[in-house]
Amino acid sequence: MNSPIFFPRLSTAGLVATLIFVSASAQADQAKDILFAAIKQGHVSAELTGEQADAWKKKTGSNEPILVEAKVLGRFKQPDCAKLGVKMTQAKVPKKEGGTGPLEVGWGMNLCTDGLPPAESVDWSKSPQTEVKINKVSAE
């Protein structure tokens, strides 16, 4: 029977690196900065700050931090484009029935770092097309 081999120095170094990474709190004034960083890095967690955070806090009635987590779920052929899973959470949000609790909102989206959806993810034939009317002007 083989006994497991432990590497105490490696384990300690890994734990310290993890603690440093987790304790460093990233912040962003714009949610799009978090989304774009996730496209580049694969996964990002950060606190939303600035005007967007202020508007969110006003809407929810909680002054707790807004945490945004974005993760790449898949990549597109087009460079710098990905399918993202996004989750925003905030603690101590007042409930209709009284008390407070966490609010968690999640969604998926296809996005490129230029702010547009990837071309291959849009079926333009199914996009709503507004009817264009051309008025004839009679010459007098």
N, C-alpha and C. Protein backbone atom coordinates (compact mmCIF):
# COMPACT_ATOMS: atom_id res chain seq x y z
N MET A 1 0.83 -1.18 0.00
CA MET A 1 0.00 0.00 0.00
C MET A 1 0.88 1.24 0.00
N ASN A 2 0.61 2.14 -0.91
CA ASN A 2 1.39 3.37 -0.99
C ASN A 2 0.81 4.43 -0.07
N SER A 3 1.67 5.10 0.66
CA SER A 3 1.18 6.20 1.50
C SER A 3 1.31 7.50 0.72
N PRO A 4 0.38 8.42 0.96
CA PRO A 4 0.43 9.69 0.22
C PRO A 4 1.67 10.50 0.60
N ILE A 5 2.18 11.21 -0.37
CA ILE A 5 3.34 12.07 -0.14
C ILE A 5 2.83 13.50 0.01
N PHE A 6 3.22 14.13 1.07
CA PHE A 6 2.79 15.51 1.32
C PHE A 6 3.94 16.46 1.05
N PHE A 7 3.64 17.61 0.54
CA PHE A 7 4.62 18.65 0.28
C PHE A 7 4.24 19.86 1.11
N PRO A 8 4.67 19.90 2.39
CA PRO A 8 4.23 20.98 3.27
C PRO A 8 4.58 22.37 2.75
N ARG A 9 5.75 22.54 2.17
CA ARG A 9 6.13 23.87 1.67
C ARG A 9 5.24 24.29 0.52
N LEU A 10 4.96 23.35 -0.38
CA LEU A 10 4.11 23.65 -1.52
C LEU A 10 2.69 23.96 -1.05
N SER A 11 2.20 23.19 -0.09
CA SER A 11 0.84 23.43 0.42
C SER A 11 0.76 24.78 1.13
N THR A 12 1.74 25.10 1.92
CA THR A 12 1.75 26.38 2.62
C THR A 12 1.83 27.53 1.63
N ALA A 13 2.69 27.40 0.64
CA ALA A 13 2.82 28.45 -0.38
C ALA A 13 1.50 28.63 -1.12
N GLY A 14 0.86 27.52 -1.46
CA GLY A 14 -0.42 27.61 -2.16
C GLY A 14 -1.49 28.27 -1.31
N LEU A 15 -1.51 27.95 -0.02
CA LEU A 15 -2.48 28.55 0.89
C LEU A 15 -2.24 30.04 1.03
N VAL A 16 -0.99 30.44 1.18
CA VAL A 16 -0.67 31.87 1.31
C VAL A 16 -1.05 32.61 0.03
N ALA A 17 -0.74 32.04 -1.12
CA ALA A 17 -1.09 32.68 -2.40
C ALA A 17 -2.60 32.81 -2.53
N THR A 18 -3.33 31.78 -2.11
CA THR A 18 -4.79 31.84 -2.17
C THR A 18 -5.33 32.91 -1.26
N LEU A 19 -4.81 33.01 -0.06
CA LEU A 19 -5.26 34.03 0.89
C LEU A 19 -4.98 35.43 0.38
N ILE A 20 -3.82 35.63 -0.21
CA ILE A 20 -3.47 36.95 -0.76
C ILE A 20 -4.42 37.28 -1.90
N PHE A 21 -4.68 36.30 -2.79
CA PHE A 21 -5.57 36.54 -3.92
C PHE A 21 -6.99 36.85 -3.45
N VAL A 22 -7.49 36.09 -2.49
CA VAL A 22 -8.85 36.29 -2.01
C VAL A 22 -8.98 37.59 -1.24
N SER A 23 -7.96 37.96 -0.48
CA SER A 23 -8.07 39.16 0.35
C SER A 23 -7.94 40.43 -0.47
N ALA A 24 -7.32 40.35 -1.64
CA ALA A 24 -7.22 41.53 -2.49
C ALA A 24 -8.57 41.76 -3.14
N SER A 25 -9.20 42.89 -2.81
CA SER A 25 -10.53 43.13 -3.35
C SER A 25 -10.43 44.01 -4.58
N ALA A 26 -10.87 43.46 -5.68
CA ALA A 26 -10.90 44.22 -6.92
C ALA A 26 -12.17 45.06 -6.93
N GLN A 27 -12.08 46.24 -7.53
CA GLN A 27 -13.22 47.13 -7.64
C GLN A 27 -13.31 47.65 -9.06
N ALA A 28 -14.54 47.98 -9.48
CA ALA A 28 -14.74 48.55 -10.81
C ALA A 28 -15.91 49.52 -10.76
N ASP A 29 -15.73 50.68 -11.40
CA ASP A 29 -16.80 51.68 -11.48
C ASP A 29 -17.85 51.31 -12.52
N GLN A 30 -17.49 50.49 -13.48
CA GLN A 30 -18.40 50.10 -14.55
C GLN A 30 -18.49 48.58 -14.61
N ALA A 31 -19.71 48.06 -14.68
CA ALA A 31 -19.89 46.61 -14.78
C ALA A 31 -19.21 46.06 -16.03
N LYS A 32 -19.19 46.85 -17.10
CA LYS A 32 -18.59 46.37 -18.34
C LYS A 32 -17.10 46.08 -18.16
N ASP A 33 -16.42 46.81 -17.27
CA ASP A 33 -15.00 46.54 -17.02
C ASP A 33 -14.80 45.14 -16.44
N ILE A 34 -15.73 44.72 -15.58
CA ILE A 34 -15.67 43.38 -15.00
C ILE A 34 -15.93 42.34 -16.08
N LEU A 35 -16.91 42.60 -16.92
CA LEU A 35 -17.24 41.65 -17.99
C LEU A 35 -16.10 41.52 -18.99
N PHE A 36 -15.51 42.65 -19.38
CA PHE A 36 -14.40 42.61 -20.33
C PHE A 36 -13.19 41.90 -19.73
N ALA A 37 -12.93 42.12 -18.44
CA ALA A 37 -11.81 41.44 -17.77
C ALA A 37 -12.05 39.94 -17.73
N ALA A 38 -13.29 39.53 -17.52
CA ALA A 38 -13.61 38.10 -17.50
C ALA A 38 -13.36 37.46 -18.86
N ILE A 39 -13.69 38.18 -19.93
CA ILE A 39 -13.44 37.66 -21.28
C ILE A 39 -11.95 37.41 -21.46
N LYS A 40 -11.14 38.30 -20.99
CA LYS A 40 -9.67 38.17 -21.13
C LYS A 40 -9.09 37.12 -20.18
N GLN A 41 -9.57 37.09 -18.91
CA GLN A 41 -8.96 36.27 -17.87
C GLN A 41 -9.67 34.94 -17.61
N GLY A 42 -10.92 34.80 -18.06
CA GLY A 42 -11.66 33.58 -17.83
C GLY A 42 -12.63 33.65 -16.66
N HIS A 43 -12.27 34.36 -15.61
CA HIS A 43 -13.13 34.47 -14.42
C HIS A 43 -12.69 35.69 -13.62
N VAL A 44 -13.65 36.52 -13.22
CA VAL A 44 -13.34 37.71 -12.43
C VAL A 44 -14.43 37.91 -11.39
N SER A 45 -14.02 38.26 -10.18
CA SER A 45 -14.94 38.68 -9.12
C SER A 45 -14.49 40.05 -8.66
N ALA A 46 -15.43 40.98 -8.53
CA ALA A 46 -15.07 42.33 -8.12
C ALA A 46 -16.27 43.02 -7.50
N GLU A 47 -15.99 44.07 -6.75
CA GLU A 47 -17.04 44.90 -6.18
C GLU A 47 -17.36 46.02 -7.16
N LEU A 48 -18.64 46.20 -7.43
CA LEU A 48 -19.08 47.30 -8.29
C LEU A 48 -19.13 48.56 -7.44
N THR A 49 -18.52 49.63 -7.93
CA THR A 49 -18.48 50.90 -7.22
C THR A 49 -18.96 52.00 -8.15
N GLY A 50 -18.96 53.22 -7.69
CA GLY A 50 -19.30 54.35 -8.56
C GLY A 50 -20.79 54.53 -8.75
N GLU A 51 -21.14 55.24 -9.83
CA GLU A 51 -22.53 55.60 -10.10
C GLU A 51 -23.44 54.39 -10.31
N GLN A 52 -22.93 53.35 -10.98
CA GLN A 52 -23.76 52.16 -11.19
C GLN A 52 -24.09 51.50 -9.86
N ALA A 53 -23.12 51.43 -8.96
CA ALA A 53 -23.37 50.84 -7.64
C ALA A 53 -24.34 51.69 -6.85
N ASP A 54 -24.17 53.00 -6.92
CA ASP A 54 -25.08 53.91 -6.20
C ASP A 54 -26.52 53.73 -6.68
N ALA A 55 -26.71 53.61 -8.00
CA ALA A 55 -28.05 53.42 -8.55
C ALA A 55 -28.64 52.09 -8.11
N TRP A 56 -27.82 51.04 -8.10
CA TRP A 56 -28.27 49.71 -7.66
C TRP A 56 -28.69 49.77 -6.19
N LYS A 57 -27.86 50.39 -5.36
CA LYS A 57 -28.14 50.48 -3.91
C LYS A 57 -29.42 51.27 -3.65
N LYS A 58 -29.64 52.32 -4.41
CA LYS A 58 -30.86 53.12 -4.27
C LYS A 58 -32.09 52.28 -4.60
N LYS A 59 -31.97 51.47 -5.64
CA LYS A 59 -33.08 50.62 -6.08
C LYS A 59 -33.37 49.51 -5.06
N THR A 60 -32.31 48.91 -4.49
CA THR A 60 -32.52 47.78 -3.57
C THR A 60 -32.78 48.20 -2.13
N GLY A 61 -32.33 49.39 -1.76
CA GLY A 61 -32.51 49.84 -0.38
C GLY A 61 -31.46 49.30 0.57
N SER A 62 -30.38 48.77 0.05
CA SER A 62 -29.28 48.25 0.88
C SER A 62 -28.00 49.00 0.54
N ASN A 63 -27.21 49.30 1.55
CA ASN A 63 -25.93 49.97 1.33
C ASN A 63 -24.76 49.00 1.33
N GLU A 64 -25.05 47.71 1.34
CA GLU A 64 -24.00 46.69 1.32
C GLU A 64 -23.31 46.68 -0.05
N PRO A 65 -22.07 46.20 -0.11
CA PRO A 65 -21.36 46.14 -1.39
C PRO A 65 -22.08 45.25 -2.41
N ILE A 66 -21.92 45.59 -3.68
CA ILE A 66 -22.47 44.79 -4.77
C ILE A 66 -21.31 44.01 -5.37
N LEU A 67 -21.40 42.69 -5.25
CA LEU A 67 -20.34 41.83 -5.76
C LEU A 67 -20.76 41.28 -7.12
N VAL A 68 -19.86 41.38 -8.08
CA VAL A 68 -20.12 40.90 -9.44
C VAL A 68 -19.12 39.80 -9.75
N GLU A 69 -19.65 38.68 -10.21
CA GLU A 69 -18.80 37.57 -10.63
C GLU A 69 -19.14 37.26 -12.07
N ALA A 70 -18.14 37.20 -12.92
CA ALA A 70 -18.35 36.88 -14.34
C ALA A 70 -17.39 35.76 -14.72
N LYS A 71 -17.92 34.76 -15.41
CA LYS A 71 -17.13 33.59 -15.78
C LYS A 71 -17.38 33.24 -17.24
N VAL A 72 -16.33 32.90 -17.96
CA VAL A 72 -16.46 32.47 -19.35
C VAL A 72 -17.03 31.05 -19.37
N LEU A 73 -18.16 30.89 -20.05
CA LEU A 73 -18.79 29.58 -20.20
C LEU A 73 -18.43 28.92 -21.52
N GLY A 74 -18.01 29.74 -22.48
CA GLY A 74 -17.61 29.25 -23.79
C GLY A 74 -17.01 30.39 -24.59
N ARG A 75 -16.26 30.04 -25.61
CA ARG A 75 -15.61 31.06 -26.45
C ARG A 75 -16.14 30.96 -27.88
N PHE A 76 -16.07 32.07 -28.58
CA PHE A 76 -16.47 32.13 -29.97
C PHE A 76 -15.22 32.19 -30.84
N LYS A 77 -15.39 31.93 -32.14
CA LYS A 77 -14.25 32.01 -33.07
C LYS A 77 -13.71 33.43 -33.15
N GLN A 78 -14.61 34.39 -33.06
CA GLN A 78 -14.23 35.80 -33.12
C GLN A 78 -13.35 36.12 -31.91
N PRO A 79 -12.19 36.74 -32.12
CA PRO A 79 -11.29 37.05 -31.00
C PRO A 79 -11.95 37.95 -29.95
N ASP A 80 -11.59 37.73 -28.71
CA ASP A 80 -12.06 38.54 -27.57
C ASP A 80 -13.59 38.52 -27.42
N CYS A 81 -14.20 37.38 -27.72
CA CYS A 81 -15.65 37.21 -27.58
C CYS A 81 -15.94 35.92 -26.81
N ALA A 82 -16.93 35.99 -25.92
CA ALA A 82 -17.24 34.82 -25.10
C ALA A 82 -18.70 34.81 -24.67
N LYS A 83 -19.15 33.63 -24.27
CA LYS A 83 -20.44 33.47 -23.60
C LYS A 83 -20.12 33.56 -22.12
N LEU A 84 -20.74 34.52 -21.42
CA LEU A 84 -20.46 34.75 -20.02
C LEU A 84 -21.63 34.34 -19.14
N GLY A 85 -21.31 33.86 -17.96
CA GLY A 85 -22.27 33.69 -16.88
C GLY A 85 -21.98 34.81 -15.89
N VAL A 86 -22.99 35.59 -15.54
CA VAL A 86 -22.78 36.75 -14.68
C VAL A 86 -23.70 36.62 -13.46
N LYS A 87 -23.14 36.94 -12.29
CA LYS A 87 -23.93 36.91 -11.07
C LYS A 87 -23.61 38.15 -10.24
N MET A 88 -24.66 38.86 -9.82
CA MET A 88 -24.51 40.02 -8.94
C MET A 88 -25.19 39.68 -7.62
N THR A 89 -24.51 39.95 -6.52
CA THR A 89 -25.08 39.67 -5.21
C THR A 89 -24.92 40.88 -4.29
N GLN A 90 -25.88 41.02 -3.39
CA GLN A 90 -25.84 42.08 -2.39
C GLN A 90 -26.53 41.55 -1.14
N ALA A 91 -25.95 41.82 0.01
CA ALA A 91 -26.51 41.36 1.29
C ALA A 91 -27.44 42.43 1.87
N LYS A 92 -28.22 42.00 2.83
CA LYS A 92 -29.10 42.87 3.62
C LYS A 92 -30.06 43.73 2.78
N VAL A 93 -30.67 43.10 1.79
CA VAL A 93 -31.67 43.79 0.98
C VAL A 93 -33.03 43.60 1.66
N PRO A 94 -33.76 44.71 1.90
CA PRO A 94 -35.06 44.59 2.54
C PRO A 94 -36.03 43.72 1.73
N LYS A 95 -36.77 42.86 2.45
CA LYS A 95 -37.77 41.99 1.80
C LYS A 95 -39.16 42.58 1.97
N LYS A 96 -40.05 42.26 1.05
CA LYS A 96 -41.42 42.76 1.12
C LYS A 96 -42.12 42.32 2.40
N GLU A 97 -41.84 41.10 2.83
CA GLU A 97 -42.51 40.57 4.02
C GLU A 97 -41.79 40.93 5.32
N GLY A 98 -40.80 41.79 5.22
CA GLY A 98 -40.06 42.23 6.41
C GLY A 98 -38.70 41.55 6.52
N GLY A 99 -37.83 42.16 7.27
CA GLY A 99 -36.48 41.63 7.42
C GLY A 99 -35.63 41.93 6.20
N THR A 100 -34.45 41.37 6.21
CA THR A 100 -33.53 41.55 5.08
C THR A 100 -32.95 40.19 4.69
N GLY A 101 -32.36 40.15 3.53
CA GLY A 101 -31.72 38.92 3.06
C GLY A 101 -30.88 39.23 1.84
N PRO A 102 -30.15 38.23 1.36
CA PRO A 102 -29.32 38.46 0.18
C PRO A 102 -30.15 38.53 -1.09
N LEU A 103 -29.69 39.34 -2.03
CA LEU A 103 -30.30 39.41 -3.36
C LEU A 103 -29.26 38.89 -4.33
N GLU A 104 -29.66 37.95 -5.16
CA GLU A 104 -28.76 37.39 -6.17
C GLU A 104 -29.46 37.42 -7.51
N VAL A 105 -28.79 38.03 -8.49
CA VAL A 105 -29.33 38.13 -9.84
C VAL A 105 -28.29 37.54 -10.78
N GLY A 106 -28.72 36.63 -11.63
CA GLY A 106 -27.78 36.01 -12.56
C GLY A 106 -28.34 35.95 -13.96
N TRP A 107 -27.47 35.93 -14.93
CA TRP A 107 -27.87 35.84 -16.34
C TRP A 107 -26.68 35.42 -17.17
N GLY A 108 -26.94 35.06 -18.41
CA GLY A 108 -25.91 34.73 -19.37
C GLY A 108 -25.95 35.72 -20.51
N MET A 109 -24.81 35.93 -21.13
CA MET A 109 -24.77 36.86 -22.26
C MET A 109 -23.59 36.55 -23.16
N ASN A 110 -23.75 36.86 -24.43
CA ASN A 110 -22.67 36.75 -25.41
C ASN A 110 -22.12 38.16 -25.61
N LEU A 111 -20.80 38.30 -25.44
CA LEU A 111 -20.22 39.64 -25.46
C LEU A 111 -18.79 39.61 -25.97
N CYS A 112 -18.42 40.68 -26.66
CA CYS A 112 -17.04 40.90 -27.09
C CYS A 112 -16.50 42.13 -26.36
N THR A 113 -15.20 42.27 -26.31
CA THR A 113 -14.61 43.40 -25.60
C THR A 113 -14.83 44.74 -26.31
N ASP A 114 -15.41 44.70 -27.52
CA ASP A 114 -15.79 45.97 -28.17
C ASP A 114 -17.19 46.41 -27.75
N GLY A 115 -17.84 45.60 -26.89
CA GLY A 115 -19.17 45.93 -26.39
C GLY A 115 -20.32 45.37 -27.20
N LEU A 116 -20.02 44.73 -28.32
CA LEU A 116 -21.06 44.16 -29.18
C LEU A 116 -21.13 42.65 -28.99
N PRO A 117 -22.25 42.02 -29.39
CA PRO A 117 -22.30 40.55 -29.34
C PRO A 117 -21.45 39.97 -30.46
N PRO A 118 -20.96 38.75 -30.29
CA PRO A 118 -20.20 38.11 -31.38
C PRO A 118 -21.08 37.94 -32.60
N ALA A 119 -20.53 38.21 -33.78
CA ALA A 119 -21.31 38.12 -35.02
C ALA A 119 -21.90 36.73 -35.21
N GLU A 120 -21.17 35.69 -34.84
CA GLU A 120 -21.66 34.33 -35.05
C GLU A 120 -22.79 33.94 -34.09
N SER A 121 -23.00 34.74 -33.04
CA SER A 121 -24.05 34.40 -32.07
C SER A 121 -25.39 35.06 -32.40
N VAL A 122 -25.41 35.90 -33.43
CA VAL A 122 -26.64 36.63 -33.78
C VAL A 122 -27.20 36.06 -35.08
N ASP A 123 -28.46 35.63 -35.02
CA ASP A 123 -29.15 35.18 -36.23
C ASP A 123 -29.97 36.36 -36.72
N TRP A 124 -29.41 37.10 -37.65
CA TRP A 124 -30.05 38.33 -38.12
C TRP A 124 -31.38 38.07 -38.81
N SER A 125 -31.59 36.84 -39.30
CA SER A 125 -32.86 36.54 -39.95
C SER A 125 -34.01 36.50 -38.95
N LYS A 126 -33.72 36.31 -37.67
CA LYS A 126 -34.75 36.27 -36.64
C LYS A 126 -34.87 37.58 -35.87
N SER A 127 -34.05 38.55 -36.21
CA SER A 127 -34.11 39.84 -35.54
C SER A 127 -35.36 40.58 -35.98
N PRO A 128 -36.00 41.26 -35.06
CA PRO A 128 -37.19 42.02 -35.46
C PRO A 128 -36.79 43.11 -36.46
N GLN A 129 -37.52 43.16 -37.53
CA GLN A 129 -37.26 44.16 -38.56
C GLN A 129 -38.41 45.15 -38.56
N THR A 130 -38.09 46.40 -38.42
CA THR A 130 -39.15 47.41 -38.47
C THR A 130 -39.52 47.65 -39.92
N GLU A 131 -40.78 47.86 -40.12
CA GLU A 131 -41.27 48.09 -41.46
C GLU A 131 -40.86 49.49 -41.90
N VAL A 132 -40.31 49.56 -43.08
CA VAL A 132 -39.88 50.85 -43.62
C VAL A 132 -40.91 51.29 -44.64
N LYS A 133 -41.45 52.48 -44.45
CA LYS A 133 -42.43 53.01 -45.39
C LYS A 133 -41.80 54.18 -46.13
N ILE A 134 -41.97 54.14 -47.41
CA ILE A 134 -41.45 55.23 -48.24
C ILE A 134 -42.63 56.03 -48.75
N ASN A 135 -42.64 57.28 -48.41
CA ASN A 135 -43.71 58.16 -48.86
C ASN A 135 -43.33 58.78 -50.19
N LYS A 136 -44.22 58.67 -51.13
CA LYS A 136 -43.97 59.29 -52.43
C LYS A 136 -44.39 60.75 -52.34
N VAL A 137 -43.52 61.57 -52.80
CA VAL A 137 -43.82 63.01 -52.83
C VAL A 137 -44.13 63.37 -54.27
N SER A 138 -45.33 63.87 -54.49
CA SER A 138 -45.69 64.24 -55.85
C SER A 138 -45.14 65.60 -56.20
N ALA A 139 -44.64 65.70 -57.38
CA ALA A 139 -44.08 66.97 -57.84
C ALA A 139 -45.22 67.89 -58.26
N GLU A 140 -45.15 69.14 -57.93
CA GLU A 140 -46.22 70.08 -58.31
C GLU A 140 -45.73 71.04 -59.32
